[in-house]
């Protein structure tokens, strides 16, 4: 499929990338930096997945010029293939770790809402965990 991405920024951007399922599949780079980068390329999409664009600069958004930083990242655009499901057991395992951490934070460090709301929060974590386990197995 043909993908197009454009980045515009008030400070120099050095790289623009298209990412497919977490892997860079197209990019353009301007070593000297530019306030606008455009990318248009054919990308092979072998099945269901997601595409996003991101751009980065050699300069930190913190303004100190010491730490390279990501300037922007789009939300994903999903590709659908009839009869094929988009699911990654590896990503699901990562999300299970995030759910466990968020639940631990809610139970031990977060400011507690009223009992009913707190139970809703905990139910959300339980339901999300159960759904991921169902899809993994």
Protein backbone atom coordinates (compact mmCIF):
# COMPACT_ATOMS: atom_id res chain seq x y z
CA UNK A 1 0.00 0.00 0.00
CA UNK A 2 1.12 3.55 -0.53
CA UNK A 3 1.86 5.44 2.67
CA UNK A 4 2.35 9.16 3.05
CA UNK A 5 3.59 11.02 6.09
CA UNK A 6 4.44 14.65 6.65
CA UNK A 7 6.07 16.29 9.66
CA UNK A 8 6.14 20.03 10.27
CA UNK A 9 7.84 21.52 13.30
CA UNK A 10 9.13 24.88 14.56
CA UNK A 11 12.53 23.33 15.34
CA UNK A 12 14.54 21.07 13.01
CA UNK A 13 13.36 17.51 12.50
CA UNK A 14 15.97 15.03 11.30
CA UNK A 15 14.08 11.79 10.67
CA UNK A 16 10.59 10.72 9.62
CA UNK A 17 9.58 7.04 9.83
CA UNK A 18 6.65 4.81 9.02
CA UNK A 19 6.29 1.92 11.46
CA UNK A 20 4.42 -1.33 10.70
CA UNK A 21 3.67 -3.50 13.73
CA UNK A 22 6.54 -1.90 15.63
CA UNK A 23 9.16 -2.13 12.87
CA UNK A 24 10.40 0.73 10.70
CA UNK A 25 9.42 -0.02 7.09
CA UNK A 26 10.09 3.37 5.48
CA UNK A 27 12.06 6.44 6.46
CA UNK A 28 13.64 9.63 5.24
CA UNK A 29 16.39 11.57 6.90
CA UNK A 30 17.78 15.08 6.63
CA UNK A 31 21.14 15.19 8.46
CA UNK A 32 21.04 19.00 8.54
CA UNK A 33 17.46 19.01 9.86
CA UNK A 34 14.39 20.58 8.31
CA UNK A 35 11.22 22.26 9.50
CA UNK A 36 9.23 19.97 7.19
CA UNK A 37 9.79 16.38 6.05
CA UNK A 38 7.60 14.42 3.66
CA UNK A 39 7.66 10.70 2.94
CA UNK A 40 5.71 8.85 0.25
CA UNK A 41 6.50 5.19 -0.33
CA UNK A 42 5.04 1.80 -1.22
CA UNK A 43 5.04 -0.52 1.80
CA UNK A 44 4.38 -4.25 1.76
CA UNK A 45 1.70 -5.07 4.33
CA UNK A 46 1.65 -8.88 4.65
CA UNK A 47 -1.45 -9.16 6.83
CA UNK A 48 -3.41 -7.49 9.59
CA UNK A 49 -1.55 -4.94 11.63
CA UNK A 50 -1.05 -1.30 12.40
CA UNK A 51 0.84 1.55 10.80
CA UNK A 52 2.00 4.76 12.41
CA UNK A 53 4.34 7.61 11.60
CA UNK A 54 6.87 9.21 13.89
CA UNK A 55 9.49 11.87 13.61
CA UNK A 56 12.52 12.69 15.68
CA UNK A 57 15.14 15.33 16.09
CA UNK A 58 18.71 15.36 17.25
CA UNK A 59 17.67 18.14 19.58
CA UNK A 60 15.82 17.46 22.77
CA UNK A 61 12.43 19.01 23.28
CA UNK A 62 13.85 19.88 26.70
CA UNK A 63 15.92 22.53 24.95
CA UNK A 64 19.29 21.38 26.27
CA UNK A 65 20.42 19.76 23.01
CA UNK A 66 21.91 16.88 24.99
CA UNK A 67 19.23 14.20 24.66
CA UNK A 68 17.70 13.21 21.31
CA UNK A 69 13.98 13.04 21.55
CA UNK A 70 10.94 11.89 19.72
CA UNK A 71 9.08 14.90 18.47
CA UNK A 72 5.80 13.28 17.46
CA UNK A 73 4.11 9.92 16.96
CA UNK A 74 0.74 9.35 15.31
CA UNK A 75 -2.00 7.10 16.54
CA UNK A 76 -2.12 3.78 14.70
CA UNK A 77 -4.01 3.12 11.50
CA UNK A 78 -5.14 -0.51 11.49
CA UNK A 79 -5.07 -2.79 8.47
CA UNK A 80 -7.70 -5.53 8.42
CA UNK A 81 -7.59 -8.81 6.51
CA UNK A 82 -10.83 -10.80 6.46
CA UNK A 83 -10.43 -14.08 8.31
CA UNK A 84 -7.18 -13.05 10.02
CA UNK A 85 -7.00 -11.63 13.53
CA UNK A 86 -4.52 -9.00 14.67
CA UNK A 87 -3.13 -10.38 17.92
CA UNK A 88 0.38 -10.59 19.29
CA UNK A 89 1.03 -12.93 22.24
CA UNK A 90 4.27 -11.03 22.92
CA UNK A 91 2.41 -7.71 23.10
CA UNK A 92 -0.29 -9.34 25.23
CA UNK A 93 2.39 -10.49 27.70
CA UNK A 94 3.71 -6.94 27.88
CA UNK A 95 0.22 -5.59 28.54
CA UNK A 96 -0.30 -8.17 31.29
CA UNK A 97 2.81 -6.75 32.96
CA UNK A 98 1.43 -3.22 32.61
CA UNK A 99 -1.93 -4.30 34.04
CA UNK A 100 -0.21 -5.92 37.04
CA UNK A 101 1.81 -2.76 37.67
CA UNK A 102 -1.20 -0.46 37.35
CA UNK A 103 -3.23 -2.66 39.67
CA UNK A 104 -0.43 -2.69 42.25
CA UNK A 105 -0.18 1.10 42.02
CA UNK A 106 -3.95 1.50 42.43
CA UNK A 107 -3.99 -0.80 45.46
CA UNK A 108 -0.96 0.61 47.23
CA UNK A 109 -0.11 4.18 46.15
CA UNK A 110 -3.05 5.84 44.43
CA UNK A 111 -5.51 8.08 46.20
CA UNK A 112 -8.54 5.94 46.90
CA UNK A 113 -11.91 6.92 45.49
CA UNK A 114 -15.08 5.74 47.17
CA UNK A 115 -15.45 1.97 47.59
CA UNK A 116 -17.72 1.50 44.56
CA UNK A 117 -15.41 3.36 42.19
CA UNK A 118 -12.39 1.55 43.55
CA UNK A 119 -14.08 -1.80 42.93
CA UNK A 120 -14.83 -0.66 39.36
CA UNK A 121 -11.15 0.12 38.83
CA UNK A 122 -10.09 -3.29 40.16
CA UNK A 123 -12.78 -5.01 38.03
CA UNK A 124 -11.42 -3.23 34.96
CA UNK A 125 -7.97 -4.73 35.62
CA UNK A 126 -9.44 -8.20 36.28
CA UNK A 127 -11.55 -8.09 33.11
CA UNK A 128 -8.64 -6.89 30.96
CA UNK A 129 -6.36 -9.59 32.35
CA UNK A 130 -9.01 -12.30 31.80
CA UNK A 131 -9.60 -11.17 28.20
CA UNK A 132 -5.89 -11.24 27.36
CA UNK A 133 -5.52 -14.70 28.92
CA UNK A 134 -8.57 -15.90 26.94
CA UNK A 135 -7.06 -14.66 23.67
CA UNK A 136 -3.61 -16.06 24.49
CA UNK A 137 -4.91 -19.53 25.23
